[in-house]
Amino acid sequence: MLLAYIFGRDQRKVHTPVWIFRVDAPLPSPEGPGSIPGVAEHRVLLYSRRACHLCDEARAVLMAERGRSAFAFEEIFIDGDDGLEQEHGLRVPVVVVDGVEEFELSVQPGRLRSLLRD
């Protein structure tokens, strides 16, 4: 469960807590891929910034591939997070596939497709 704050224009209500729930799919069983129908076996994580044209291009490539391949997708904006900004700095977008950093600055569709089909 994540807690996010929305900053409003009303000076009396600077911080309004909003609860955001993230539901993770169950892990695949040890029998192998396809043992649980409808569960994505690959996880893709995109570290990006809100105002970044390279991030927009990487997101478009990921969403196009998501139409062809099933995978869990999560995007994390590093804006305002000192730890993430120090870790990723100006080299966003960064794409992590199944826990391994695979792409930085751009996403090659062919390589992404081969990573997700293995």
PDB file of N, CA and C in Angstrom:
ATOM      1  N   MET A   1       0.847  -1.153   0.000  1.00  0.00           N
ATOM      2  CA  MET A   1       0.000   0.000   0.000  1.00  0.00           C
ATOM      3  C   MET A   1       0.901   1.227   0.000  1.00  0.00           C
ATOM      4  N   LEU A   2       0.599   2.162  -0.857  1.00  0.00           N
ATOM      5  CA  LEU A   2       1.378   3.378  -0.970  1.00  0.00           C
ATOM      6  C   LEU A   2       0.537   4.554  -0.525  1.00  0.00           C
ATOM      7  N   LEU A   3       1.168   5.556   0.033  1.00  0.00           N
ATOM      8  CA  LEU A   3       0.482   6.775   0.425  1.00  0.00           C
ATOM      9  C   LEU A   3       1.072   7.903  -0.390  1.00  0.00           C
ATOM     10  N   ALA A   4       0.222   8.600  -1.113  1.00  0.00           N
ATOM     11  CA  ALA A   4       0.683   9.709  -1.938  1.00  0.00           C
ATOM     12  C   ALA A   4       0.010  10.980  -1.448  1.00  0.00           C
ATOM     13  N   TYR A   5       0.627  12.109  -1.706  1.00  0.00           N
ATOM     14  CA  TYR A   5       0.055  13.388  -1.333  1.00  0.00           C
ATOM     15  C   TYR A   5      -0.254  14.184  -2.582  1.00  0.00           C
ATOM     16  N   ILE A   6      -1.410  14.793  -2.606  1.00  0.00           N
ATOM     17  CA  ILE A   6      -1.790  15.670  -3.701  1.00  0.00           C
ATOM     18  C   ILE A   6      -1.726  17.093  -3.173  1.00  0.00           C
ATOM     19  N   PHE A   7      -0.976  17.942  -3.859  1.00  0.00           N
ATOM     20  CA  PHE A   7      -0.823  19.309  -3.429  1.00  0.00           C
ATOM     21  C   PHE A   7      -1.867  20.156  -4.152  1.00  0.00           C
ATOM     22  N   GLY A   8      -2.800  20.688  -3.394  1.00  0.00           N
ATOM     23  CA  GLY A   8      -3.884  21.466  -3.973  1.00  0.00           C
ATOM     24  C   GLY A   8      -3.580  22.948  -3.958  1.00  0.00           C
ATOM     25  N   ARG A   9      -4.445  23.711  -4.574  1.00  0.00           N
ATOM     26  CA  ARG A   9      -4.282  25.164  -4.608  1.00  0.00           C
ATOM     27  C   ARG A   9      -4.801  25.810  -3.337  1.00  0.00           C
ATOM     28  N   ASP A  10      -5.679  25.146  -2.643  1.00  0.00           N
ATOM     29  CA  ASP A  10      -6.246  25.669  -1.419  1.00  0.00           C
ATOM     30  C   ASP A  10      -5.167  25.646  -0.335  1.00  0.00           C
ATOM     31  N   GLN A  11      -4.798  26.805   0.185  1.00  0.00           N
ATOM     32  CA  GLN A  11      -3.715  26.892   1.162  1.00  0.00           C
ATOM     33  C   GLN A  11      -4.070  26.211   2.476  1.00  0.00           C
ATOM     34  N   ARG A  12      -5.356  26.050   2.779  1.00  0.00           N
ATOM     35  CA  ARG A  12      -5.760  25.391   4.016  1.00  0.00           C
ATOM     36  C   ARG A  12      -5.547  23.890   3.927  1.00  0.00           C
ATOM     37  N   LYS A  13      -5.591  23.350   2.730  1.00  0.00           N
ATOM     38  CA  LYS A  13      -5.434  21.912   2.541  1.00  0.00           C
ATOM     39  C   LYS A  13      -4.210  21.671   1.655  1.00  0.00           C
ATOM     40  N   VAL A  14      -3.038  21.819   2.225  1.00  0.00           N
ATOM     41  CA  VAL A  14      -1.819  21.659   1.446  1.00  0.00           C
ATOM     42  C   VAL A  14      -1.567  20.190   1.120  1.00  0.00           C
ATOM     43  N   HIS A  15      -1.765  19.331   2.097  1.00  0.00           N
ATOM     44  CA  HIS A  15      -1.502  17.904   1.902  1.00  0.00           C
ATOM     45  C   HIS A  15      -2.796  17.128   2.089  1.00  0.00           C
ATOM     46  N   THR A  16      -3.253  16.497   1.019  1.00  0.00           N
ATOM     47  CA  THR A  16      -4.419  15.639   1.095  1.00  0.00           C
ATOM     48  C   THR A  16      -3.957  14.210   0.864  1.00  0.00           C
ATOM     49  N   PRO A  17      -4.032  13.348   1.883  1.00  0.00           N
ATOM     50  CA  PRO A  17      -3.574  11.971   1.678  1.00  0.00           C
ATOM     51  C   PRO A  17      -4.507  11.204   0.758  1.00  0.00           C
ATOM     52  N   VAL A  18      -3.915  10.449  -0.139  1.00  0.00           N
ATOM     53  CA  VAL A  18      -4.662   9.601  -1.066  1.00  0.00           C
ATOM     54  C   VAL A  18      -4.051   8.208  -0.988  1.00  0.00           C
ATOM     55  N   TRP A  19      -4.879   7.208  -0.783  1.00  0.00           N
ATOM     56  CA  TRP A  19      -4.379   5.837  -0.706  1.00  0.00           C
ATOM     57  C   TRP A  19      -4.370   5.240  -2.098  1.00  0.00           C
ATOM     58  N   ILE A  20      -3.239   4.661  -2.475  1.00  0.00           N
ATOM     59  CA  ILE A  20      -3.102   4.007  -3.765  1.00  0.00           C
ATOM     60  C   ILE A  20      -2.773   2.543  -3.487  1.00  0.00           C
ATOM     61  N   PHE A  21      -3.563   1.660  -4.025  1.00  0.00           N
ATOM     62  CA  PHE A  21      -3.347   0.235  -3.822  1.00  0.00           C
ATOM     63  C   PHE A  21      -2.752  -0.370  -5.081  1.00  0.00           C
ATOM     64  N   ARG A  22      -1.713  -1.160  -4.919  1.00  0.00           N
ATOM     65  CA  ARG A  22      -1.112  -1.860  -6.042  1.00  0.00           C
ATOM     66  C   ARG A  22      -1.315  -3.349  -5.801  1.00  0.00           C
ATOM     67  N   VAL A  23      -1.945  -4.003  -6.744  1.00  0.00           N
ATOM     68  CA  VAL A  23      -2.219  -5.427  -6.622  1.00  0.00           C
ATOM     69  C   VAL A  23      -1.226  -6.168  -7.492  1.00  0.00           C
ATOM     70  N   ASP A  24      -0.443  -7.020  -6.874  1.00  0.00           N
ATOM     71  CA  ASP A  24       0.531  -7.818  -7.613  1.00  0.00           C
ATOM     72  C   ASP A  24      -0.081  -9.166  -7.957  1.00  0.00           C
ATOM     73  N   ALA A  25       0.214  -9.621  -9.145  1.00  0.00           N
ATOM     74  CA  ALA A  25      -0.268 -10.938  -9.567  1.00  0.00           C
ATOM     75  C   ALA A  25       0.484 -12.016  -8.807  1.00  0.00           C
ATOM     76  N   PRO A  26      -0.121 -13.159  -8.592  1.00  0.00           N
ATOM     77  CA  PRO A  26       0.599 -14.237  -7.915  1.00  0.00           C
ATOM     78  C   PRO A  26       1.782 -14.717  -8.749  1.00  0.00           C
ATOM     79  N   LEU A  27       2.788 -15.220  -8.071  1.00  0.00           N
ATOM     80  CA  LEU A  27       3.961 -15.730  -8.778  1.00  0.00           C
ATOM     81  C   LEU A  27       3.614 -17.014  -9.516  1.00  0.00           C
ATOM     82  N   PRO A  28       4.231 -17.237 -10.683  1.00  0.00           N
ATOM     83  CA  PRO A  28       3.968 -18.476 -11.406  1.00  0.00           C
ATOM     84  C   PRO A  28       4.432 -19.682 -10.586  1.00  0.00           C
ATOM     85  N   SER A  29       3.764 -20.783 -10.805  1.00  0.00           N
ATOM     86  CA  SER A  29       4.133 -21.989 -10.066  1.00  0.00           C
ATOM     87  C   SER A  29       5.417 -22.574 -10.630  1.00  0.00           C
ATOM     88  N   PRO A  30       6.107 -23.424  -9.861  1.00  0.00           N
ATOM     89  CA  PRO A  30       7.378 -23.981 -10.319  1.00  0.00           C
ATOM     90  C   PRO A  30       7.259 -24.918 -11.516  1.00  0.00           C
ATOM     91  N   GLU A  31       6.040 -25.256 -11.923  1.00  0.00           N
ATOM     92  CA  GLU A  31       5.887 -26.160 -13.068  1.00  0.00           C
ATOM     93  C   GLU A  31       6.332 -25.516 -14.371  1.00  0.00           C
ATOM     94  N   GLY A  32       6.487 -24.190 -14.383  1.00  0.00           N
ATOM     95  CA  GLY A  32       6.983 -23.533 -15.587  1.00  0.00           C
ATOM     96  C   GLY A  32       6.025 -22.485 -16.101  1.00  0.00           C
ATOM     97  N   PRO A  33       6.439 -21.785 -17.165  1.00  0.00           N
ATOM     98  CA  PRO A  33       5.604 -20.730 -17.714  1.00  0.00           C
ATOM     99  C   PRO A  33       4.299 -21.286 -18.272  1.00  0.00           C
ATOM    100  N   GLY A  34       3.279 -20.495 -18.137  1.00  0.00           N
ATOM    101  CA  GLY A  34       1.982 -20.890 -18.658  1.00  0.00           C
ATOM    102  C   GLY A  34       1.191 -21.763 -17.711  1.00  0.00           C
ATOM    103  N   SER A  35       1.720 -22.038 -16.526  1.00  0.00           N
ATOM    104  CA  SER A  35       1.000 -22.902 -15.605  1.00  0.00           C
ATOM    105  C   SER A  35      -0.166 -22.174 -14.950  1.00  0.00           C
ATOM    106  N   ILE A  36      -0.093 -20.850 -14.872  1.00  0.00           N
ATOM    107  CA  ILE A  36      -1.212 -20.050 -14.374  1.00  0.00           C
ATOM    108  C   ILE A  36      -1.693 -19.192 -15.534  1.00  0.00           C
ATOM    109  N   PRO A  37      -2.848 -19.510 -16.118  1.00  0.00           N
ATOM    110  CA  PRO A  37      -3.304 -18.744 -17.277  1.00  0.00           C
ATOM    111  C   PRO A  37      -3.562 -17.286 -16.913  1.00  0.00           C
ATOM    112  N   GLY A  38      -3.151 -16.386 -17.795  1.00  0.00           N
ATOM    113  CA  GLY A  38      -3.428 -14.970 -17.620  1.00  0.00           C
ATOM    114  C   GLY A  38      -2.439 -14.239 -16.732  1.00  0.00           C
ATOM    115  N   VAL A  39      -1.444 -14.916 -16.168  1.00  0.00           N
ATOM    116  CA  VAL A  39      -0.473 -14.258 -15.306  1.00  0.00           C
ATOM    117  C   VAL A  39       0.769 -13.931 -16.124  1.00  0.00           C
ATOM    118  N   ALA A  40       1.172 -12.677 -16.079  1.00  0.00           N
ATOM    119  CA  ALA A  40       2.369 -12.270 -16.807  1.00  0.00           C
ATOM    120  C   ALA A  40       3.600 -12.810 -16.095  1.00  0.00           C
ATOM    121  N   GLU A  41       4.504 -13.415 -16.854  1.00  0.00           N
ATOM    122  CA  GLU A  41       5.682 -13.983 -16.229  1.00  0.00           C
ATOM    123  C   GLU A  41       6.858 -13.015 -16.219  1.00  0.00           C
ATOM    124  N   HIS A  42       6.820 -11.962 -17.007  1.00  0.00           N
ATOM    125  CA  HIS A  42       7.899 -10.977 -17.038  1.00  0.00           C
ATOM    126  C   HIS A  42       7.434  -9.693 -16.360  1.00  0.00           C
ATOM    127  N   ARG A  43       8.395  -8.999 -15.716  1.00  0.00           N
ATOM    128  CA  ARG A  43       8.107  -7.733 -15.055  1.00  0.00           C
ATOM    129  C   ARG A  43       9.013  -6.664 -15.651  1.00  0.00           C
ATOM    130  N   VAL A  44       8.421  -5.553 -16.065  1.00  0.00           N
ATOM    131  CA  VAL A  44       9.159  -4.446 -16.663  1.00  0.00           C
ATOM    132  C   VAL A  44       8.934  -3.210 -15.806  1.00  0.00           C
ATOM    133  N   LEU A  45      10.031  -2.547 -15.461  1.00  0.00           N
ATOM    134  CA  LEU A  45       9.990  -1.355 -14.628  1.00  0.00           C
ATOM    135  C   LEU A  45      10.651  -0.223 -15.389  1.00  0.00           C
ATOM    136  N   LEU A  46       9.966   0.913 -15.483  1.00  0.00           N
ATOM    137  CA  LEU A  46      10.491   2.076 -16.203  1.00  0.00           C
ATOM    138  C   LEU A  46      10.722   3.200 -15.206  1.00  0.00           C
ATOM    139  N   TYR A  47      11.976   3.636 -15.070  1.00  0.00           N
ATOM    140  CA  TYR A  47      12.300   4.825 -14.282  1.00  0.00           C
ATOM    141  C   TYR A  47      12.313   5.992 -15.252  1.00  0.00           C
ATOM    142  N   SER A  48      11.524   7.035 -14.946  1.00  0.00           N
ATOM    143  CA  SER A  48      11.412   8.144 -15.886  1.00  0.00           C
ATOM    144  C   SER A  48      11.203   9.461 -15.156  1.00  0.00           C
ATOM    145  N   ARG A  49      11.151  10.519 -15.934  1.00  0.00           N
ATOM    146  CA  ARG A  49      10.807  11.860 -15.441  1.00  0.00           C
ATOM    147  C   ARG A  49       9.513  12.293 -16.121  1.00  0.00           C
ATOM    148  N   ARG A  50       8.809  13.198 -15.479  1.00  0.00           N
ATOM    149  CA  ARG A  50       7.513  13.633 -16.008  1.00  0.00           C
ATOM    150  C   ARG A  50       7.652  14.431 -17.307  1.00  0.00           C
ATOM    151  N   ALA A  51       8.635  15.288 -17.416  1.00  0.00           N
ATOM    152  CA  ALA A  51       8.809  16.105 -18.621  1.00  0.00           C
ATOM    153  C   ALA A  51      10.076  15.644 -19.346  1.00  0.00           C
ATOM    154  N   CYS A  52       9.966  14.533 -20.064  1.00  0.00           N
ATOM    155  CA  CYS A  52      11.135  13.938 -20.709  1.00  0.00           C
ATOM    156  C   CYS A  52      10.682  13.274 -22.009  1.00  0.00           C
ATOM    157  N   HIS A  53      11.121  13.807 -23.144  1.00  0.00           N
ATOM    158  CA  HIS A  53      10.684  13.245 -24.425  1.00  0.00           C
ATOM    159  C   HIS A  53      11.255  11.851 -24.656  1.00  0.00           C
ATOM    160  N   LEU A  54      12.458  11.571 -24.147  1.00  0.00           N
ATOM    161  CA  LEU A  54      13.010  10.222 -24.282  1.00  0.00           C
ATOM    162  C   LEU A  54      12.195   9.210 -23.483  1.00  0.00           C
ATOM    163  N   CYS A  55      11.705   9.651 -22.325  1.00  0.00           N
ATOM    164  CA  CYS A  55      10.848   8.783 -21.501  1.00  0.00           C
ATOM    165  C   CYS A  55       9.533   8.503 -22.222  1.00  0.00           C
ATOM    166  N   ASP A  56       8.991   9.519 -22.890  1.00  0.00           N
ATOM    167  CA  ASP A  56       7.755   9.330 -23.654  1.00  0.00           C
ATOM    168  C   ASP A  56       7.963   8.312 -24.779  1.00  0.00           C
ATOM    169  N   GLU A  57       9.113   8.397 -25.456  1.00  0.00           N
ATOM    170  CA  GLU A  57       9.414   7.456 -26.535  1.00  0.00           C
ATOM    171  C   GLU A  57       9.588   6.035 -25.995  1.00  0.00           C
ATOM    172  N   ALA A  58      10.284   5.897 -24.866  1.00  0.00           N
ATOM    173  CA  ALA A  58      10.477   4.574 -24.270  1.00  0.00           C
ATOM    174  C   ALA A  58       9.142   3.980 -23.831  1.00  0.00           C
ATOM    175  N   ARG A  59       8.284   4.805 -23.242  1.00  0.00           N
ATOM    176  CA  ARG A  59       6.962   4.348 -22.814  1.00  0.00           C
ATOM    177  C   ARG A  59       6.143   3.879 -24.009  1.00  0.00           C
ATOM    178  N   ALA A  60       6.231   4.601 -25.131  1.00  0.00           N
ATOM    179  CA  ALA A  60       5.493   4.221 -26.337  1.00  0.00           C
ATOM    180  C   ALA A  60       5.969   2.863 -26.864  1.00  0.00           C
ATOM    181  N   VAL A  61       7.281   2.625 -26.848  1.00  0.00           N
ATOM    182  CA  VAL A  61       7.816   1.326 -27.291  1.00  0.00           C
ATOM    183  C   VAL A  61       7.321   0.220 -26.363  1.00  0.00           C
ATOM    184  N   LEU A  62       7.353   0.467 -25.057  1.00  0.00           N
ATOM    185  CA  LEU A  62       6.897  -0.540 -24.093  1.00  0.00           C
ATOM    186  C   LEU A  62       5.408  -0.844 -24.255  1.00  0.00           C
ATOM    187  N   MET A  63       4.599   0.180 -24.458  1.00  0.00           N
ATOM    188  CA  MET A  63       3.156  -0.038 -24.606  1.00  0.00           C
ATOM    189  C   MET A  63       2.840  -0.747 -25.914  1.00  0.00           C
ATOM    190  N   ALA A  64       3.605  -0.458 -26.973  1.00  0.00           N
ATOM    191  CA  ALA A  64       3.400  -1.159 -28.244  1.00  0.00           C
ATOM    192  C   ALA A  64       3.722  -2.640 -28.075  1.00  0.00           C
ATOM    193  N   GLU A  65       4.798  -2.940 -27.362  1.00  0.00           N
ATOM    194  CA  GLU A  65       5.160  -4.343 -27.141  1.00  0.00           C
ATOM    195  C   GLU A  65       4.183  -5.013 -26.191  1.00  0.00           C
ATOM    196  N   ARG A  66       3.613  -4.250 -25.282  1.00  0.00           N
ATOM    197  CA  ARG A  66       2.641  -4.820 -24.345  1.00  0.00           C
ATOM    198  C   ARG A  66       1.400  -5.301 -25.089  1.00  0.00           C
ATOM    199  N   GLY A  67       1.121  -4.726 -26.239  1.00  0.00           N
ATOM    200  CA  GLY A  67       0.022  -5.203 -27.061  1.00  0.00           C
ATOM    201  C   GLY A  67       0.301  -6.570 -27.669  1.00  0.00           C
ATOM    202  N   ARG A  68       1.592  -6.937 -27.779  1.00  0.00           N
ATOM    203  CA  ARG A  68       1.977  -8.224 -28.369  1.00  0.00           C
ATOM    204  C   ARG A  68       2.355  -9.266 -27.330  1.00  0.00           C
ATOM    205  N   SER A  69       2.974  -8.835 -26.235  1.00  0.00           N
ATOM    206  CA  SER A  69       3.479  -9.754 -25.212  1.00  0.00           C
ATOM    207  C   SER A  69       2.868  -9.402 -23.861  1.00  0.00           C
ATOM    208  N   ALA A  70       2.604 -10.414 -23.069  1.00  0.00           N
ATOM    209  CA  ALA A  70       2.061 -10.180 -21.727  1.00  0.00           C
ATOM    210  C   ALA A  70       3.211  -9.969 -20.752  1.00  0.00           C
ATOM    211  N   PHE A  71       3.204  -8.821 -20.061  1.00  0.00           N
ATOM    212  CA  PHE A  71       4.173  -8.567 -19.003  1.00  0.00           C
ATOM    213  C   PHE A  71       3.605  -7.541 -18.037  1.00  0.00           C
ATOM    214  N   ALA A  72       4.040  -7.634 -16.793  1.00  0.00           N
ATOM    215  CA  ALA A  72       3.623  -6.657 -15.778  1.00  0.00           C
ATOM    216  C   ALA A  72       4.465  -5.407 -15.983  1.00  0.00           C
ATOM    217  N   PHE A  73       3.835  -4.235 -15.917  1.00  0.00           N
ATOM    218  CA  PHE A  73       4.522  -2.968 -16.165  1.00  0.00           C
ATOM    219  C   PHE A  73       4.293  -2.020 -14.997  1.00  0.00           C
ATOM    220  N   GLU A  74       5.371  -1.362 -14.587  1.00  0.00           N
ATOM    221  CA  GLU A  74       5.271  -0.334 -13.551  1.00  0.00           C
ATOM    222  C   GLU A  74       6.197   0.802 -13.933  1.00  0.00           C
ATOM    223  N   GLU A  75       5.731   2.039 -13.764  1.00  0.00           N
ATOM    224  CA  GLU A  75       6.548   3.213 -14.057  1.00  0.00           C
ATOM    225  C   GLU A  75       6.768   3.988 -12.771  1.00  0.00           C
ATOM    226  N   ILE A  76       8.015   4.370 -12.531  1.00  0.00           N
ATOM    227  CA  ILE A  76       8.361   5.141 -11.344  1.00  0.00           C
ATOM    228  C   ILE A  76       8.982   6.450 -11.799  1.00  0.00           C
ATOM    229  N   PHE A  77       8.383   7.561 -11.375  1.00  0.00           N
ATOM    230  CA  PHE A  77       8.926   8.877 -11.699  1.00  0.00           C
ATOM    231  C   PHE A  77       9.954   9.238 -10.638  1.00  0.00           C
ATOM    232  N   ILE A  78      11.161   9.597 -11.079  1.00  0.00           N
ATOM    233  CA  ILE A  78      12.229   9.888 -10.129  1.00  0.00           C
ATOM    234  C   ILE A  78      12.219  11.340  -9.683  1.00  0.00           C
ATOM    235  N   ASP A  79      11.366  12.164 -10.276  1.00  0.00           N
ATOM    236  CA  ASP A  79      11.297  13.581  -9.930  1.00  0.00           C
ATOM    237  C   ASP A  79      11.028  13.751  -8.441  1.00  0.00           C
ATOM    238  N   GLY A  80      11.882  14.496  -7.763  1.00  0.00           N
ATOM    239  CA  GLY A  80      11.661  14.814  -6.363  1.00  0.00           C
ATOM    240  C   GLY A  80      12.117  13.756  -5.382  1.00  0.00           C
ATOM    241  N   ASP A  81      12.555  12.605  -5.849  1.00  0.00           N
ATOM    242  CA  ASP A  81      13.058  11.554  -4.963  1.00  0.00           C
ATOM    243  C   ASP A  81      14.584  11.612  -5.010  1.00  0.00           C
ATOM    244  N   ASP A  82      15.188  12.115  -3.938  1.00  0.00           N
ATOM    245  CA  ASP A  82      16.635  12.335  -3.929  1.00  0.00           C
ATOM    246  C   ASP A  82      17.422  11.051  -4.199  1.00  0.00           C
ATOM    247  N   GLY A  83      17.004   9.941  -3.610  1.00  0.00           N
ATOM    248  CA  GLY A  83      17.714   8.680  -3.805  1.00  0.00           C
ATOM    249  C   GLY A  83      17.671   8.214  -5.244  1.00  0.00           C
ATOM    250  N   LEU A  84      16.471   8.270  -5.851  1.00  0.00           N
ATOM    251  CA  LEU A  84      16.343   7.835  -7.249  1.00  0.00           C
ATOM    252  C   LEU A  84      17.038   8.794  -8.203  1.00  0.00           C
ATOM    253  N   GLU A  85      16.972  10.099  -7.906  1.00  0.00           N
ATOM    254  CA  GLU A  85      17.660  11.055  -8.769  1.00  0.00           C
ATOM    255  C   GLU A  85      19.170  10.871  -8.698  1.00  0.00           C
ATOM    256  N   GLN A  86      19.674  10.542  -7.518  1.00  0.00           N
ATOM    257  CA  GLN A  86      21.109  10.299  -7.390  1.00  0.00           C
ATOM    258  C   GLN A  86      21.504   9.010  -8.119  1.00  0.00           C
ATOM    259  N   GLU A  87      20.650   8.001  -8.039  1.00  0.00           N
ATOM    260  CA  GLU A  87      20.951   6.721  -8.684  1.00  0.00           C
ATOM    261  C   GLU A  87      20.867   6.794 -10.204  1.00  0.00           C
ATOM    262  N   HIS A  88      19.837   7.475 -10.724  1.00  0.00           N
ATOM    263  CA  HIS A  88      19.608   7.477 -12.172  1.00  0.00           C
ATOM    264  C   HIS A  88      20.004   8.787 -12.840  1.00  0.00           C
ATOM    265  N   GLY A  89      19.959   9.887 -12.121  1.00  0.00           N
ATOM    266  CA  GLY A  89      20.405  11.180 -12.631  1.00  0.00           C
ATOM    267  C   GLY A  89      19.819  11.547 -13.972  1.00  0.00           C
ATOM    268  N   LEU A  90      20.681  11.869 -14.923  1.00  0.00           N
ATOM    269  CA  LEU A  90      20.250  12.301 -16.251  1.00  0.00           C
ATOM    270  C   LEU A  90      20.141  11.156 -17.239  1.00  0.00           C
ATOM    271  N   ARG A  91      20.361   9.943 -16.789  1.00  0.00           N
ATOM    272  CA  ARG A  91      20.363   8.816 -17.733  1.00  0.00           C
ATOM    273  C   ARG A  91      19.002   8.140 -17.837  1.00  0.00           C
ATOM    274  N   VAL A  92      17.926   8.866 -17.597  1.00  0.00           N
ATOM    275  CA  VAL A  92      16.587   8.303 -17.764  1.00  0.00           C
ATOM    276  C   VAL A  92      16.178   8.451 -19.222  1.00  0.00           C
ATOM    277  N   PRO A  93      15.353   7.599 -19.733  1.00  0.00           N
ATOM    278  CA  PRO A  93      14.684   6.500 -19.066  1.00  0.00           C
ATOM    279  C   PRO A  93      15.608   5.305 -18.843  1.00  0.00           C
ATOM    280  N   VAL A  94      15.334   4.595 -17.762  1.00  0.00           N
ATOM    281  CA  VAL A  94      16.020   3.347 -17.461  1.00  0.00           C
ATOM    282  C   VAL A  94      14.948   2.272 -17.406  1.00  0.00           C
ATOM    283  N   VAL A  95      15.158   1.180 -18.145  1.00  0.00           N
ATOM    284  CA  VAL A  95      14.185   0.088 -18.185  1.00  0.00           C
ATOM    285  C   VAL A  95      14.818  -1.154 -17.575  1.00  0.00           C
ATOM    286  N   VAL A  96      14.126  -1.700 -16.582  1.00  0.00           N
ATOM    287  CA  VAL A  96      14.571  -2.915 -15.896  1.00  0.00           C
ATOM    288  C   VAL A  96      13.613  -4.036 -16.285  1.00  0.00           C
ATOM    289  N   VAL A  97      14.157  -5.123 -16.821  1.00  0.00           N
ATOM    290  CA  VAL A  97      13.348  -6.280 -17.225  1.00  0.00           C
ATOM    291  C   VAL A  97      13.728  -7.448 -16.320  1.00  0.00           C
ATOM    292  N   ASP A  98      12.753  -7.944 -15.585  1.00  0.00           N
ATOM    293  CA  ASP A  98      12.953  -9.072 -14.676  1.00  0.00           C
ATOM    294  C   ASP A  98      14.129  -8.842 -13.723  1.00  0.00           C
ATOM    295  N   GLY A  99      14.230  -7.614 -13.199  1.00  0.00           N
ATOM    296  CA  GLY A  99      15.246  -7.300 -12.203  1.00  0.00           C
ATOM    297  C   GLY A  99      16.609  -6.944 -12.740  1.00  0.00           C
ATOM    298  N   VAL A 100      16.771  -6.919 -14.057  1.00  0.00           N
ATOM    299  CA  VAL A 100      18.063  -6.603 -14.675  1.00  0.00           C
ATOM    300  C   VAL A 100      17.909  -5.335 -15.505  1.00  0.00           C
ATOM    301  N   GLU A 101      18.793  -4.346 -15.263  1.00  0.00           N
ATOM    302  CA  GLU A 101      18.752  -3.117 -16.046  1.00  0.00           C
ATOM    303  C   GLU A 101      19.187  -3.425 -17.473  1.00  0.00           C
ATOM    304  N   GLU A 102      18.249  -3.275 -18.409  1.00  0.00           N
ATOM    305  CA  GLU A 102      18.504  -3.659 -19.805  1.00  0.00           C
ATOM    306  C   GLU A 102      18.676  -2.473 -20.737  1.00  0.00           C
ATOM    307  N   PHE A 103      17.965  -1.368 -20.486  1.00  0.00           N
ATOM    308  CA  PHE A 103      18.001  -0.230 -21.409  1.00  0.00           C
ATOM    309  C   PHE A 103      18.218   1.062 -20.643  1.00  0.00           C
ATOM    310  N   GLU A 104      18.923   1.978 -21.301  1.00  0.00           N
ATOM    311  CA  GLU A 104      19.167   3.300 -20.753  1.00  0.00           C
ATOM    312  C   GLU A 104      19.074   4.287 -21.909  1.00  0.00           C
ATOM    313  N   LEU A 105      18.305   5.341 -21.736  1.00  0.00           N
ATOM    314  CA  LEU A 105      18.099   6.404 -22.708  1.00  0.00           C
ATOM    315  C   LEU A 105      17.208   6.021 -23.887  1.00  0.00           C
ATOM    316  N   SER A 106      17.270   4.810 -24.381  1.00  0.00           N
ATOM    317  CA  SER A 106      16.383   4.385 -25.458  1.00  0.00           C
ATOM    318  C   SER A 106      16.118   2.893 -25.331  1.00  0.00           C
ATOM    319  N   VAL A 107      15.017   2.466 -25.933  1.00  0.00           N
ATOM    320  CA  VAL A 107      14.622   1.058 -25.893  1.00  0.00           C
ATOM    321  C   VAL A 107      14.607   0.533 -27.326  1.00  0.00           C
ATOM    322  N   GLN A 108      15.378  -0.508 -27.585  1.00  0.00           N
ATOM    323  CA  GLN A 108      15.378  -1.128 -28.906  1.00  0.00           C
ATOM    324  C   GLN A 108      14.253  -2.155 -28.945  1.00  0.00           C
ATOM    325  N   PRO A 109      13.243  -1.954 -29.806  1.00  0.00           N
ATOM    326  CA  PRO A 109      12.077  -2.839 -29.828  1.00  0.00           C
ATOM    327  C   PRO A 109      12.424  -4.308 -30.068  1.00  0.00           C
ATOM    328  N   GLY A 110      13.353  -4.593 -30.966  1.00  0.00           N
ATOM    329  CA  GLY A 110      13.712  -5.980 -31.260  1.00  0.00           C
ATOM    330  C   GLY A 110      14.329  -6.684 -30.063  1.00  0.00           C
ATOM    331  N   ARG A 111      15.212  -5.997 -29.374  1.00  0.00           N
ATOM    332  CA  ARG A 111      15.858  -6.595 -28.197  1.00  0.00           C
ATOM    333  C   ARG A 111      14.838  -6.783 -27.064  1.00  0.00           C
ATOM    334  N   LEU A 112      13.944  -5.801 -26.888  1.00  0.00           N
ATOM    335  CA  LEU A 112      12.894  -5.925 -25.870  1.00  0.00           C
ATOM    336  C   LEU A 112      12.018  -7.130 -26.169  1.00  0.00           C
ATOM    337  N   ARG A 113      11.648  -7.297 -27.431  1.00  0.00           N
ATOM    338  CA  ARG A 113      10.815  -8.407 -27.819  1.00  0.00           C
ATOM    339  C   ARG A 113      11.491  -9.742 -27.521  1.00  0.00           C
ATOM    340  N   SER A 114      12.792  -9.831 -27.808  1.00  0.00           N
ATOM    341  CA  SER A 114      13.498 -11.093 -27.536  1.00  0.00           C
ATOM    342  C   SER A 114      13.633 -11.342 -26.036  1.00  0.00           C
ATOM    343  N   LEU A 115      13.796 -10.301 -25.234  1.00  0.00           N
ATOM    344  CA  LEU A 115      13.878 -10.468 -23.774  1.00  0.00           C
ATOM    345  C   LEU A 115      12.555 -10.972 -23.202  1.00  0.00           C
ATOM    346  N   LEU A 116      11.452 -10.497 -23.756  1.00  0.00           N
ATOM    347  CA  LEU A 116      10.132 -10.838 -23.225  1.00  0.00           C
ATOM    348  C   LEU A 116       9.617 -12.178 -23.750  1.00  0.00           C
ATOM    349  N   ARG A 117      10.221 -12.705 -24.792  1.00  0.00           N
ATOM    350  CA  ARG A 117       9.764 -13.981 -25.348  1.00  0.00           C
ATOM    351  C   ARG A 117      10.593 -15.150 -24.871  1.00  0.00           C
ATOM    352  N   ASP A 118      11.654 -14.894 -24.116  1.00  0.00           N
ATOM    353  CA  ASP A 118      12.492 -15.988 -23.583  1.00  0.00           C
ATOM    354  C   ASP A 118      11.807 -16.707 -22.448  1.00  0.00           C
TER     355      ASP A 118
END
